[in-house]
């Protein structure tokens, strides 16, 4: 995992125009934003990264790879820079 500051402010936001949930973000050491999704499912799947993917598209080069944090025990690439990461790895 890249250098992630521990002062992460998580909040659930909704884009009113598009009616979609926007993931929270953390900050990488280089200043780029890291999209973070918190999931309840312990079974990682590519759908977990939909919000991450959209936010990265919106932010372009200002965004680093994102993480879908979940209660399971498997770390799994989700495609397009997203990674399913167990809570225990934080």
C-alpha atoms as a PDB file:
ATOM      1  CA  UNK A   1       0.000   0.000   0.000  1.00  0.00           C
ATOM      2  CA  UNK A   2       1.387   3.424  -0.920  1.00  0.00           C
ATOM      3  CA  UNK A   3       2.201   5.934   1.811  1.00  0.00           C
ATOM      4  CA  UNK A   4      -1.218   6.753   3.194  1.00  0.00           C
ATOM      5  CA  UNK A   5      -1.614   9.393   5.865  1.00  0.00           C
ATOM      6  CA  UNK A   6      -3.623   8.159   8.823  1.00  0.00           C
ATOM      7  CA  UNK A   7      -5.598  11.394   9.102  1.00  0.00           C
ATOM      8  CA  UNK A   8      -8.328  10.202   6.754  1.00  0.00           C
ATOM      9  CA  UNK A   9     -11.652  11.965   6.828  1.00  0.00           C
ATOM     10  CA  UNK A  10     -14.364   9.596   5.690  1.00  0.00           C
ATOM     11  CA  UNK A  11     -17.799  10.749   4.726  1.00  0.00           C
ATOM     12  CA  UNK A  12     -20.511   9.517   2.457  1.00  0.00           C
ATOM     13  CA  UNK A  13     -21.284  12.099  -0.193  1.00  0.00           C
ATOM     14  CA  UNK A  14     -23.838  12.064  -2.957  1.00  0.00           C
ATOM     15  CA  UNK A  15     -23.498  13.819  -6.281  1.00  0.00           C
ATOM     16  CA  UNK A  16     -26.926  15.480  -6.519  1.00  0.00           C
ATOM     17  CA  UNK A  17     -26.826  15.833 -10.298  1.00  0.00           C
ATOM     18  CA  UNK A  18     -25.929  12.226 -10.992  1.00  0.00           C
ATOM     19  CA  UNK A  19     -27.515  10.681  -7.867  1.00  0.00           C
ATOM     20  CA  UNK A  20     -24.514   8.511  -7.091  1.00  0.00           C
ATOM     21  CA  UNK A  21     -22.509   7.876  -3.958  1.00  0.00           C
ATOM     22  CA  UNK A  22     -18.991   9.261  -3.998  1.00  0.00           C
ATOM     23  CA  UNK A  23     -16.302   7.403  -2.017  1.00  0.00           C
ATOM     24  CA  UNK A  24     -14.383   9.027   0.808  1.00  0.00           C
ATOM     25  CA  UNK A  25     -10.764   9.924   0.187  1.00  0.00           C
ATOM     26  CA  UNK A  26      -7.386   9.733   1.861  1.00  0.00           C
ATOM     27  CA  UNK A  27      -4.219  11.551   0.826  1.00  0.00           C
ATOM     28  CA  UNK A  28      -1.088   9.939  -0.588  1.00  0.00           C
ATOM     29  CA  UNK A  29       2.343  11.279   0.369  1.00  0.00           C
ATOM     30  CA  UNK A  30       2.561  12.962  -3.044  1.00  0.00           C
ATOM     31  CA  UNK A  31      -0.708  14.861  -2.487  1.00  0.00           C
ATOM     32  CA  UNK A  32      -2.909  12.777  -4.777  1.00  0.00           C
ATOM     33  CA  UNK A  33      -6.270  11.669  -3.409  1.00  0.00           C
ATOM     34  CA  UNK A  34      -6.900   7.988  -2.700  1.00  0.00           C
ATOM     35  CA  UNK A  35     -10.553   6.950  -3.117  1.00  0.00           C
ATOM     36  CA  UNK A  36     -11.755   4.718  -0.269  1.00  0.00           C
ATOM     37  CA  UNK A  37     -14.974   2.700  -0.134  1.00  0.00           C
ATOM     38  CA  UNK A  38     -16.040   0.839   3.009  1.00  0.00           C
ATOM     39  CA  UNK A  39     -18.025  -2.304   2.206  1.00  0.00           C
ATOM     40  CA  UNK A  40     -19.978  -4.714   4.401  1.00  0.00           C
ATOM     41  CA  UNK A  41     -19.576  -7.707   2.101  1.00  0.00           C
ATOM     42  CA  UNK A  42     -16.642  -9.995   2.941  1.00  0.00           C
ATOM     43  CA  UNK A  43     -16.603 -11.298  -0.646  1.00  0.00           C
ATOM     44  CA  UNK A  44     -14.662  -8.921  -2.925  1.00  0.00           C
ATOM     45  CA  UNK A  45     -15.969  -8.377  -6.446  1.00  0.00           C
ATOM     46  CA  UNK A  46     -15.379  -5.813  -9.209  1.00  0.00           C
ATOM     47  CA  UNK A  47     -18.663  -3.998  -8.448  1.00  0.00           C
ATOM     48  CA  UNK A  48     -17.049  -2.836  -5.195  1.00  0.00           C
ATOM     49  CA  UNK A  49     -14.865  -0.485  -7.227  1.00  0.00           C
ATOM     50  CA  UNK A  50     -17.592   1.336  -9.202  1.00  0.00           C
ATOM     51  CA  UNK A  51     -17.479   4.490  -7.066  1.00  0.00           C
ATOM     52  CA  UNK A  52     -13.679   4.381  -6.990  1.00  0.00           C
ATOM     53  CA  UNK A  53     -13.575   4.111 -10.770  1.00  0.00           C
ATOM     54  CA  UNK A  54     -15.948   7.066 -11.248  1.00  0.00           C
ATOM     55  CA  UNK A  55     -14.068   9.281  -8.808  1.00  0.00           C
ATOM     56  CA  UNK A  56     -10.747   8.474 -10.477  1.00  0.00           C
ATOM     57  CA  UNK A  57     -12.266   9.352 -13.860  1.00  0.00           C
ATOM     58  CA  UNK A  58     -13.504  12.679 -12.456  1.00  0.00           C
ATOM     59  CA  UNK A  59     -10.199  13.572 -10.756  1.00  0.00           C
ATOM     60  CA  UNK A  60      -7.841  12.327 -13.476  1.00  0.00           C
ATOM     61  CA  UNK A  61      -4.172  12.598 -12.476  1.00  0.00           C
ATOM     62  CA  UNK A  62      -5.117  14.048  -9.057  1.00  0.00           C
ATOM     63  CA  UNK A  63      -6.264  10.563  -7.956  1.00  0.00           C
ATOM     64  CA  UNK A  64      -4.161   7.546  -7.014  1.00  0.00           C
ATOM     65  CA  UNK A  65      -5.398   3.945  -6.973  1.00  0.00           C
ATOM     66  CA  UNK A  66      -8.358   3.321  -4.683  1.00  0.00           C
ATOM     67  CA  UNK A  67      -9.311   0.784  -2.029  1.00  0.00           C
ATOM     68  CA  UNK A  68     -12.559  -1.003  -1.220  1.00  0.00           C
ATOM     69  CA  UNK A  69     -12.080  -1.923   2.444  1.00  0.00           C
ATOM     70  CA  UNK A  70     -14.053  -4.992   3.569  1.00  0.00           C
ATOM     71  CA  UNK A  71     -14.386  -7.383   6.532  1.00  0.00           C
ATOM     72  CA  UNK A  72     -13.057 -10.430   4.653  1.00  0.00           C
ATOM     73  CA  UNK A  73      -9.477 -11.708   4.586  1.00  0.00           C
ATOM     74  CA  UNK A  74      -8.636 -11.542   0.859  1.00  0.00           C
ATOM     75  CA  UNK A  75      -6.715  -8.768  -0.889  1.00  0.00           C
ATOM     76  CA  UNK A  76      -7.785  -8.758  -4.524  1.00  0.00           C
ATOM     77  CA  UNK A  77      -7.245  -6.417  -7.479  1.00  0.00           C
ATOM     78  CA  UNK A  78     -10.586  -5.072  -8.730  1.00  0.00           C
ATOM     79  CA  UNK A  79      -9.317  -3.554 -11.983  1.00  0.00           C
ATOM     80  CA  UNK A  80      -8.749   0.064 -13.018  1.00  0.00           C
ATOM     81  CA  UNK A  81      -6.449   0.675 -10.042  1.00  0.00           C
ATOM     82  CA  UNK A  82      -8.941  -0.482  -7.403  1.00  0.00           C
ATOM     83  CA  UNK A  83      -7.969  -3.042  -4.753  1.00  0.00           C
ATOM     84  CA  UNK A  84     -10.183  -4.913  -2.271  1.00  0.00           C
ATOM     85  CA  UNK A  85      -8.376  -4.612   1.055  1.00  0.00           C
ATOM     86  CA  UNK A  86      -9.331  -6.368   4.336  1.00  0.00           C
ATOM     87  CA  UNK A  87      -9.977  -4.103   7.344  1.00  0.00           C
ATOM     88  CA  UNK A  88      -7.195  -5.999   9.157  1.00  0.00           C
ATOM     89  CA  UNK A  89      -4.617  -4.600   6.688  1.00  0.00           C
ATOM     90  CA  UNK A  90      -5.252  -0.989   7.712  1.00  0.00           C
END
